[in-house]
Amino acid sequence: MSNTAASLKDLLLKKSVRTGTFTLASGAQSDLYIDCRMTALDPFGAALIGELGWEAVRKRIGEEGLSVDAIGGMTLGADPISLAVGMASARQNPDEALQVFTVRKEPKGHGRGKQIEGNFAEGNTIVVVDDVITTGGSTLKAIDAIEREGGKVAFALVLVDREEGGRQAIEARGIPVVSLFSRSTLLDE
């Protein structure tokens, strides 16, 4: 594990990971709660996420020979991660920097009624982002919105895969998942 990955793991464990008994958004009970926003909204955490996330995205783009236009996902969990990775891409490769967008949970009820805000256009190839995947539900909802608006999802970037079926649900849609950490790697299980 690189120094950057080790630093991010330490920060996640300190700020974002709790053990006990918790009810998750899916309604399931779990012995583990992960609030990645506490790390992703920390300036040091955001810098680490940007560096590691861009490294993972760049690697996948290179391996698959992809051309990717933008990065984003369901608000609020994906927002700081998408921006951090987009900023890292701009620092390291200004000519091919990823544009950043966010997906609202529901379309706006006023104005243009948009569900996707920011730097997204029909025809874009996208990296969809999520902070934590459990069942994959919120990632799949973001994918649905992106595809409805004419985007093509190349793959998903996830900060933590809880290893509870979410990866399989997303990959069943034909969308590969790249995770920076899993439950096993985060907790050394």
Protein backbone atom coordinates (compact mmCIF):
# COMPACT_ATOMS: atom_id res chain seq x y z
CA MET A 1 0.00 0.00 0.00
CA SER A 2 1.38 3.40 -0.98
CA ASN A 3 1.97 6.10 1.63
CA THR A 4 -0.98 8.05 0.19
CA ALA A 5 -3.29 5.02 0.45
CA ALA A 6 -2.08 4.29 3.99
CA SER A 7 -2.71 7.92 5.00
CA LEU A 8 -6.20 7.86 3.51
CA LYS A 9 -6.97 4.54 5.21
CA ASP A 10 -5.85 5.98 8.57
CA LEU A 11 -8.01 9.07 8.08
CA LEU A 12 -11.04 6.98 7.05
CA LEU A 13 -10.63 4.80 10.14
CA LYS A 14 -10.27 7.84 12.39
CA LYS A 15 -13.05 10.01 10.98
CA SER A 16 -15.49 7.85 9.02
CA VAL A 17 -15.67 4.28 10.35
CA ARG A 18 -17.76 3.28 13.35
CA THR A 19 -18.58 -0.17 14.70
CA GLY A 20 -21.67 -1.14 16.66
CA THR A 21 -25.23 -1.79 15.54
CA PHE A 22 -26.60 0.44 12.79
CA THR A 23 -29.56 0.61 10.42
CA LEU A 24 -28.33 1.40 6.91
CA ALA A 25 -30.13 3.40 4.21
CA SER A 26 -31.22 0.07 2.69
CA GLY A 27 -32.94 -0.79 5.99
CA ALA A 28 -30.48 -3.61 6.69
CA GLN A 29 -28.75 -3.96 10.05
CA SER A 30 -24.96 -3.79 10.11
CA ASP A 31 -22.07 -3.88 12.55
CA LEU A 32 -20.28 -1.23 10.49
CA TYR A 33 -21.15 2.38 9.66
CA ILE A 34 -19.04 4.34 7.21
CA ASP A 35 -19.64 8.09 6.76
CA CYS A 36 -17.12 8.98 4.06
CA ARG A 37 -18.27 12.61 4.04
CA MET A 38 -16.29 13.17 7.23
CA THR A 39 -13.11 12.25 5.34
CA ALA A 40 -14.04 13.60 1.88
CA LEU A 41 -14.93 17.02 3.31
CA ASP A 42 -11.69 17.20 5.30
CA PRO A 43 -9.11 19.19 3.26
CA PHE A 44 -6.40 16.57 3.80
CA GLY A 45 -8.84 13.74 3.06
CA ALA A 46 -10.01 15.46 -0.12
CA ALA A 47 -6.42 15.88 -1.30
CA LEU A 48 -5.68 12.20 -0.66
CA ILE A 49 -8.92 11.08 -2.33
CA GLY A 50 -8.18 13.28 -5.34
CA GLU A 51 -4.70 11.85 -5.77
CA LEU A 52 -5.67 8.18 -5.29
CA GLY A 53 -8.94 8.53 -7.18
CA TRP A 54 -7.29 10.16 -10.19
CA GLU A 55 -4.55 7.49 -10.14
CA ALA A 56 -7.22 4.75 -10.22
CA VAL A 57 -9.24 6.51 -12.94
CA ARG A 58 -6.16 7.19 -15.07
CA LYS A 59 -5.08 3.55 -14.73
CA ARG A 60 -8.51 2.26 -15.83
CA ILE A 61 -8.65 4.73 -18.74
CA GLY A 62 -5.21 3.57 -19.88
CA GLU A 63 -5.96 -0.14 -19.52
CA GLU A 64 -9.22 0.11 -21.45
CA GLY A 65 -8.14 2.79 -23.95
CA LEU A 66 -11.06 4.96 -22.87
CA SER A 67 -11.77 8.61 -23.48
CA VAL A 68 -13.66 10.02 -20.49
CA ASP A 69 -15.26 13.47 -20.38
CA ALA A 70 -16.64 13.91 -16.88
CA ILE A 71 -16.99 12.51 -13.38
CA GLY A 72 -19.90 12.72 -10.96
CA GLY A 73 -22.56 10.89 -9.02
CA MET A 74 -25.44 11.12 -6.60
CA THR A 75 -25.37 14.13 -4.31
CA LEU A 76 -24.14 14.42 -1.50
CA GLY A 77 -21.75 11.51 -1.05
CA ALA A 78 -20.21 11.67 -4.52
CA ASP A 79 -19.83 15.46 -4.70
CA PRO A 80 -16.57 16.04 -2.78
CA ILE A 81 -15.01 12.88 -4.26
CA SER A 82 -15.87 13.88 -7.83
CA LEU A 83 -14.53 17.40 -7.33
CA ALA A 84 -11.31 16.15 -5.69
CA VAL A 85 -10.64 13.71 -8.54
CA GLY A 86 -11.52 16.34 -11.14
CA MET A 87 -9.13 18.82 -9.53
CA ALA A 88 -6.34 16.22 -9.42
CA SER A 89 -6.92 15.45 -13.10
CA ALA A 90 -6.65 19.18 -13.92
CA ARG A 91 -3.40 19.52 -11.97
CA GLN A 92 -1.79 16.47 -13.53
CA ASN A 93 -3.21 16.61 -17.06
CA PRO A 94 -4.76 20.02 -17.84
CA ASP A 95 -5.49 19.15 -21.49
CA GLU A 96 -7.64 16.19 -20.51
CA ALA A 97 -9.07 17.32 -17.17
CA LEU A 98 -12.32 15.69 -16.16
CA GLN A 99 -15.34 17.94 -15.91
CA VAL A 100 -17.41 17.55 -12.73
CA PHE A 101 -21.17 17.27 -12.24
CA THR A 102 -23.68 16.12 -9.64
CA VAL A 103 -26.88 14.10 -9.86
CA ARG A 104 -29.83 15.32 -7.79
CA LYS A 105 -31.92 12.72 -6.03
CA GLU A 106 -34.95 14.03 -7.98
CA PRO A 107 -35.25 16.50 -10.87
CA LYS A 108 -35.73 20.11 -9.81
CA GLY A 109 -39.35 21.15 -9.56
CA HIS A 110 -38.64 24.55 -11.11
CA GLY A 111 -36.49 26.23 -13.74
CA ARG A 112 -35.31 23.72 -16.35
CA GLY A 113 -36.24 20.76 -14.12
CA LYS A 114 -32.77 19.27 -14.38
CA GLN A 115 -31.63 16.25 -12.41
CA ILE A 116 -27.98 16.59 -13.44
CA GLU A 117 -26.21 19.84 -12.57
CA GLY A 118 -22.78 21.06 -13.55
CA ASN A 119 -20.49 20.12 -16.39
CA PHE A 120 -22.37 17.33 -18.12
CA ALA A 121 -23.58 17.08 -21.71
CA GLU A 122 -25.47 14.51 -23.73
CA GLY A 123 -22.99 12.11 -25.33
CA ASN A 124 -20.39 12.42 -22.55
CA THR A 125 -18.54 9.35 -21.38
CA ILE A 126 -18.73 9.33 -17.60
CA VAL A 127 -17.07 7.92 -14.51
CA VAL A 128 -19.90 7.56 -12.00
CA VAL A 129 -18.85 8.03 -8.36
CA ASP A 130 -20.16 6.90 -5.01
CA ASP A 131 -18.66 7.20 -1.56
CA VAL A 132 -19.85 3.84 -0.18
CA ILE A 133 -21.63 0.98 -1.91
CA THR A 134 -23.68 -1.54 0.02
CA THR A 135 -26.51 -2.71 -2.26
CA GLY A 136 -25.46 -0.43 -5.14
CA GLY A 137 -28.87 1.27 -5.14
CA SER A 138 -27.75 4.90 -5.13
CA THR A 139 -25.04 4.24 -7.72
CA LEU A 140 -27.58 2.53 -9.98
CA LYS A 141 -29.99 5.46 -9.52
CA ALA A 142 -27.22 7.86 -10.63
CA ILE A 143 -26.44 5.60 -13.61
CA ASP A 144 -30.12 5.62 -14.61
CA ALA A 145 -30.23 9.43 -14.51
CA ILE A 146 -26.98 9.75 -16.49
CA GLU A 147 -28.17 7.30 -19.15
CA ARG A 148 -31.59 9.01 -19.36
CA GLU A 149 -29.80 12.27 -20.14
CA GLY A 150 -27.69 10.65 -22.88
CA GLY A 151 -24.48 9.93 -20.97
CA LYS A 152 -22.50 6.71 -21.30
CA VAL A 153 -21.08 5.31 -18.07
CA ALA A 154 -17.60 3.83 -18.60
CA PHE A 155 -17.14 2.56 -15.03
CA ALA A 156 -17.85 3.35 -11.38
CA LEU A 157 -15.32 4.74 -8.91
CA VAL A 158 -16.15 3.96 -5.28
CA LEU A 159 -14.29 5.06 -2.18
CA VAL A 160 -15.40 2.06 -0.06
CA ASP A 161 -17.10 -1.18 -1.16
CA ARG A 162 -18.81 -2.70 1.88
CA GLU A 163 -18.71 -6.09 0.09
CA GLU A 164 -22.44 -6.66 0.54
CA GLY A 165 -23.52 -7.21 -3.07
CA GLY A 166 -23.37 -3.66 -4.43
CA ARG A 167 -20.42 -4.32 -6.72
CA GLN A 168 -22.18 -7.35 -8.20
CA ALA A 169 -25.42 -5.38 -8.74
CA ILE A 170 -23.57 -2.60 -10.59
CA GLU A 171 -21.42 -5.00 -12.61
CA ALA A 172 -24.58 -6.97 -13.57
CA ARG A 173 -25.51 -3.80 -15.52
CA GLY A 174 -22.24 -4.13 -17.44
CA ILE A 175 -20.50 -1.34 -15.51
CA PRO A 176 -17.15 -2.28 -13.94
CA VAL A 177 -16.46 -1.06 -10.39
CA VAL A 178 -13.12 0.33 -9.25
CA SER A 179 -12.94 0.71 -5.46
CA LEU A 180 -10.19 2.43 -3.52
CA PHE A 181 -10.99 0.35 -0.42
CA SER A 182 -13.21 -2.57 0.50
CA ARG A 183 -14.46 -3.58 3.91
CA SER A 184 -11.71 -6.24 3.97
CA THR A 185 -8.85 -3.89 3.07
CA LEU A 186 -10.10 -1.10 5.30
CA LEU A 187 -10.56 -3.30 8.37
CA ASP A 188 -7.71 -5.76 7.58
CA GLU A 189 -10.19 -8.66 7.66
